[in-house]
Protein backbone atom coordinates (compact mmCIF):
# COMPACT_ATOMS: atom_id res chain seq x y z
CA MET A 1 -73.69 -192.76 -120.94
CA GLY A 2 -72.57 -192.56 -117.16
CA PRO A 3 -73.80 -194.87 -114.44
CA ARG A 4 -77.53 -195.12 -114.05
CA VAL A 5 -79.02 -193.84 -110.83
CA LEU A 6 -82.55 -194.40 -109.66
CA ILE A 7 -83.80 -191.73 -107.18
CA VAL A 8 -86.93 -192.75 -105.16
CA GLU A 9 -87.89 -189.47 -103.34
CA ASP A 10 -91.36 -188.04 -102.81
CA GLU A 11 -90.04 -184.59 -101.95
CA GLU A 12 -90.00 -182.96 -105.37
CA PRO A 13 -87.49 -180.06 -104.56
CA LEU A 14 -84.89 -182.46 -103.25
CA MET A 15 -85.48 -184.82 -106.03
CA LEU A 16 -84.93 -182.09 -108.55
CA LEU A 17 -81.85 -180.85 -106.63
CA LEU A 18 -80.42 -184.36 -106.73
CA ARG A 19 -81.09 -185.06 -110.37
CA TYR A 20 -79.71 -181.72 -111.29
CA ASN A 21 -76.24 -182.43 -109.44
CA LEU A 22 -76.04 -186.01 -110.60
CA GLU A 23 -76.70 -185.20 -114.11
CA ALA A 24 -74.07 -182.43 -113.88
CA GLU A 25 -71.49 -185.26 -112.75
CA GLY A 26 -72.43 -187.28 -115.85
CA TYR A 27 -74.80 -189.98 -114.47
CA GLU A 28 -77.87 -191.02 -116.28
CA VAL A 29 -80.73 -190.37 -113.81
CA ASP A 30 -84.25 -191.83 -113.45
CA SER A 31 -86.64 -190.97 -110.57
CA VAL A 32 -89.96 -191.89 -109.12
CA SER A 33 -91.90 -190.61 -106.07
CA ARG A 34 -93.54 -193.68 -104.78
CA GLY A 35 -92.12 -196.98 -103.38
CA ASP A 36 -94.51 -199.09 -105.38
CA GLU A 37 -93.52 -197.44 -108.57
CA ALA A 38 -89.90 -197.97 -107.77
CA GLU A 39 -90.40 -201.68 -107.42
CA ILE A 40 -91.95 -201.80 -110.91
CA ARG A 41 -89.19 -199.61 -112.49
CA LEU A 42 -86.48 -202.05 -110.94
CA ARG A 43 -88.18 -204.98 -112.52
CA GLU A 44 -88.09 -203.22 -115.87
CA GLN A 45 -84.60 -202.15 -115.70
CA VAL A 46 -81.91 -202.43 -112.87
CA PRO A 47 -79.79 -199.28 -112.31
CA ASP A 48 -76.25 -199.21 -111.07
CA ILE A 49 -77.35 -197.47 -107.85
CA VAL A 50 -80.52 -196.55 -105.87
CA LEU A 51 -80.91 -193.46 -103.84
CA LEU A 52 -83.84 -194.35 -101.52
CA ASP A 53 -85.96 -192.36 -99.18
CA TRP A 54 -87.21 -194.02 -96.08
CA MET A 55 -90.70 -192.46 -95.90
CA LEU A 56 -92.56 -193.15 -99.13
CA PRO A 57 -96.15 -193.46 -100.24
CA GLY A 58 -97.24 -196.89 -101.75
CA LEU A 59 -94.30 -198.94 -100.19
CA SER A 60 -91.91 -197.80 -97.55
CA GLY A 61 -88.30 -197.42 -98.40
CA ILE A 62 -87.37 -200.06 -95.77
CA GLU A 63 -89.73 -202.67 -97.29
CA LEU A 64 -88.52 -201.87 -100.84
CA CYS A 65 -84.87 -202.35 -99.64
CA ARG A 66 -85.99 -205.77 -98.24
CA ARG A 67 -87.50 -206.75 -101.60
CA ILE A 68 -84.45 -205.49 -103.46
CA ARG A 69 -82.17 -207.83 -101.38
CA ALA A 70 -84.74 -210.60 -101.90
CA ARG A 71 -84.49 -210.67 -105.65
CA THR A 72 -81.58 -212.44 -107.40
CA GLU A 73 -81.51 -209.57 -110.04
CA THR A 74 -80.95 -206.91 -107.35
CA GLU A 75 -79.40 -208.64 -104.43
CA ARG A 76 -76.06 -206.83 -104.84
CA LEU A 77 -77.63 -203.60 -106.13
CA PRO A 78 -75.87 -200.55 -104.26
CA VAL A 79 -78.53 -198.66 -102.20
CA ILE A 80 -78.00 -195.43 -100.14
CA MET A 81 -80.84 -194.49 -97.79
CA LEU A 82 -81.81 -190.86 -97.44
CA THR A 83 -83.95 -190.09 -94.38
CA ALA A 84 -84.55 -187.56 -91.69
CA ARG A 85 -84.46 -190.29 -89.14
CA GLY A 86 -81.07 -189.87 -87.65
CA GLU A 87 -81.45 -191.93 -84.40
CA GLU A 88 -78.85 -194.71 -83.94
CA GLY A 89 -81.68 -197.25 -83.87
CA ASP A 90 -82.85 -196.04 -87.12
CA ARG A 91 -79.45 -196.15 -88.72
CA ILE A 92 -79.01 -199.71 -87.46
CA ARG A 93 -82.35 -200.74 -88.96
CA GLY A 94 -81.79 -199.14 -92.34
CA LEU A 95 -78.38 -200.85 -92.71
CA SER A 96 -79.57 -204.24 -91.20
CA THR A 97 -82.34 -204.28 -93.76
CA GLY A 98 -79.75 -204.07 -96.65
CA ALA A 99 -78.73 -200.41 -97.31
CA ASP A 100 -75.13 -200.07 -98.11
CA ASP A 101 -74.97 -196.53 -96.83
CA TYR A 102 -77.24 -194.13 -94.80
CA ILE A 103 -77.43 -190.33 -94.93
CA VAL A 104 -79.47 -188.21 -92.74
CA LYS A 105 -81.26 -185.02 -94.14
CA PRO A 106 -80.43 -182.33 -94.61
CA PHE A 107 -77.06 -183.27 -96.06
CA SER A 108 -74.29 -181.81 -98.08
CA VAL A 109 -74.61 -182.51 -101.86
CA PRO A 110 -70.90 -182.86 -102.42
CA GLU A 111 -70.90 -185.31 -99.62
CA LEU A 112 -73.55 -187.35 -101.09
CA LEU A 113 -71.99 -187.30 -104.52
CA ALA A 114 -68.67 -188.50 -102.92
CA ARG A 115 -70.52 -191.44 -101.20
CA VAL A 116 -71.99 -192.43 -104.59
CA ARG A 117 -68.66 -192.44 -106.30
CA ALA A 118 -67.29 -194.52 -103.33
CA LEU A 119 -69.92 -197.08 -103.35
CA LEU A 120 -69.95 -197.46 -107.10
CA ARG A 121 -66.04 -197.62 -107.02
CA ARG A 122 -66.46 -200.63 -104.76
CA ALA A 123 -69.47 -202.17 -106.30
CA LYS A 124 -68.84 -201.41 -109.95
CA PRO A 125 -65.31 -200.11 -110.29
CA ALA A 126 -65.43 -200.13 -114.19
CA HIS A 127 -68.22 -197.22 -113.94
CA ILE A 128 -65.95 -194.90 -112.10
CA ALA A 129 -62.61 -193.62 -113.34
CA THR A 130 -60.04 -193.22 -110.49
CA LEU A 131 -57.92 -191.04 -112.79
CA LEU A 132 -59.11 -188.21 -114.96
CA ARG A 133 -56.47 -187.14 -117.81
CA ALA A 134 -56.54 -184.21 -120.19
CA GLY A 135 -53.24 -183.32 -121.98
CA ASP A 136 -50.60 -183.38 -119.61
CA ILE A 137 -52.90 -183.15 -116.53
CA GLU A 138 -53.64 -186.10 -114.43
CA LEU A 139 -56.16 -185.99 -111.46
CA ASP A 140 -56.11 -188.83 -109.08
CA ARG A 141 -59.48 -189.03 -107.21
CA GLU A 142 -58.17 -191.70 -104.63
CA THR A 143 -54.98 -190.01 -103.51
CA HIS A 144 -56.25 -186.44 -104.18
CA ARG A 145 -53.05 -185.52 -106.24
CA VAL A 146 -52.75 -183.62 -109.44
CA ARG A 147 -49.89 -183.70 -111.78
CA ARG A 148 -48.97 -181.71 -114.74
CA ALA A 149 -46.03 -182.65 -117.20
CA GLY A 150 -44.96 -185.21 -114.50
CA GLN A 151 -44.77 -182.41 -111.84
CA GLU A 152 -47.01 -182.68 -108.70
CA LEU A 153 -49.02 -179.74 -108.16
CA HIS A 154 -50.39 -178.28 -104.81
CA LEU A 155 -54.23 -177.71 -104.81
CA GLY A 156 -56.43 -176.77 -101.93
CA PRO A 157 -59.45 -178.94 -101.35
CA THR A 158 -61.87 -176.47 -103.14
CA GLU A 159 -59.44 -176.14 -106.14
CA PHE A 160 -59.21 -179.78 -106.26
CA ARG A 161 -62.93 -180.22 -106.41
CA LEU A 162 -63.28 -177.43 -108.87
CA LEU A 163 -60.67 -178.91 -111.20
CA GLU A 164 -62.34 -182.40 -110.90
CA PHE A 165 -65.85 -181.05 -111.73
CA LEU A 166 -64.68 -179.07 -114.80
CA MET A 167 -62.58 -182.01 -116.09
CA GLN A 168 -65.63 -184.29 -116.12
CA SER A 169 -67.22 -182.30 -118.94
CA PRO A 170 -64.63 -180.76 -121.14
CA GLY A 171 -66.09 -177.98 -123.28
CA ARG A 172 -69.12 -177.47 -121.27
CA VAL A 173 -69.68 -173.96 -119.88
CA PHE A 174 -70.78 -173.80 -116.25
CA SER A 175 -72.25 -170.61 -114.91
CA ARG A 176 -70.90 -169.30 -111.42
CA GLU A 177 -74.14 -170.40 -109.74
CA HIS A 178 -73.90 -173.88 -111.21
CA LEU A 179 -70.33 -174.24 -109.91
CA LEU A 180 -71.31 -172.92 -106.60
CA ASN A 181 -73.95 -175.56 -106.26
CA ALA A 182 -71.79 -178.41 -107.55
CA VAL A 183 -68.65 -177.71 -105.59
CA TRP A 184 -69.86 -176.00 -102.56
CA GLY A 185 -73.38 -177.26 -102.34
CA HIS A 186 -76.81 -175.73 -102.11
CA ASP A 187 -76.85 -175.30 -98.46
CA VAL A 188 -73.95 -172.96 -98.62
CA TYR A 189 -74.69 -169.15 -98.96
CA ILE A 190 -71.78 -167.36 -100.40
CA ASP A 191 -71.27 -164.69 -103.16
CA GLU A 192 -70.94 -165.95 -106.65
CA ARG A 193 -67.68 -163.96 -107.20
CA THR A 194 -66.02 -166.49 -104.71
CA VAL A 195 -65.96 -168.68 -107.73
CA ASP A 196 -63.74 -166.10 -109.55
CA VAL A 197 -61.40 -166.21 -106.69
CA HIS A 198 -60.97 -169.89 -106.61
CA VAL A 199 -60.55 -170.16 -110.48
CA GLY A 200 -57.84 -167.69 -110.12
CA ARG A 201 -56.09 -169.84 -107.46
CA LEU A 202 -56.64 -172.90 -109.54
CA ARG A 203 -55.11 -171.19 -112.71
CA LYS A 204 -52.08 -170.09 -110.44
CA ALA A 205 -51.55 -173.68 -109.36
CA ILE A 206 -51.89 -175.54 -112.61
CA ASN A 207 -50.43 -173.26 -115.20
CA LEU A 208 -46.78 -173.95 -115.84
CA PRO A 209 -44.47 -171.71 -117.90
CA ARG A 210 -45.00 -171.93 -121.70
CA ARG A 211 -47.95 -174.44 -121.15
CA PRO A 212 -51.54 -173.35 -122.23
CA ASP A 213 -54.22 -172.44 -119.84
CA PRO A 214 -56.99 -175.29 -119.73
CA ILE A 215 -59.47 -173.14 -117.99
CA ARG A 216 -61.64 -171.07 -120.28
CA THR A 217 -63.52 -167.90 -119.31
CA VAL A 218 -66.64 -167.48 -121.20
CA ARG A 219 -67.71 -163.75 -120.84
CA GLY A 220 -71.08 -163.36 -119.24
CA ALA A 221 -71.50 -167.12 -119.15
CA GLY A 222 -68.85 -168.79 -116.74
CA TYR A 223 -66.09 -171.18 -117.05
CA SER A 224 -65.15 -174.47 -118.79
CA PHE A 225 -62.36 -176.83 -119.14
CA ASP A 226 -61.19 -176.18 -122.77
CA GLU A 227 -62.08 -179.26 -124.92
CA THR A 228 -59.16 -178.18 -127.29
CA PHE A 229 -56.56 -178.27 -124.38
CA ALA A 230 -55.31 -181.78 -125.26
CA ARG A 231 -54.87 -180.94 -128.92
CA GLU A 232 -52.91 -177.90 -127.87
CA GLU A 233 -50.77 -179.90 -125.75
CA GLN A 234 -49.96 -182.28 -128.65
CA ALA A 235 -49.06 -179.43 -130.99
CA LEU A 236 -46.77 -178.06 -128.32
CA ASN A 237 -44.89 -181.25 -127.76
CA ALA A 238 -44.78 -182.09 -131.62
């Protein structure tokens, strides 16, 4: 399983949005809607990171963060505070209480996912792979470089995020809507056919002569990173 994330959020639509996108990225997700429930859950099992709303019933996010830092078992647990309170004083208070990061609502889902990865990379580096490899393709998340057969490829930022997302779940078919939400974010309103344009650009960038195409089009369903790609590469090089 991937890293374990506990979402503490009482706005159900936002909680579901976060769960959907985190699970799509390979995280194991648990969620509660009350601060006091979260405290009980943390005593039962310590996750790898907490996404914590400020305003919660039962126990505020600020107080829960204080208690997290006060316990030996959770004093180093990464915490990202999610809140509509964007004033400088509120940010300082949240960070001073012990939050590792602070993000103001409404926020970009891709940005939040990037912050989760960055925080886990610092706190629990074993949980986040810096390099994704499949066949002769290597994607470096830190340097934002992609190589194929040792040759550096030039991808735009959207094509990079699209390839990264697909490579995380080889064989899984993602609809255009799913890819739009995961790569562009839920708060961006663009036509689903935009995905086709960027998949075409991605293919043009990564497909070298006499090399198999790792991106599979599933008619009526969407796209996937072909799980047989690595085996095809091995057969080609045999």
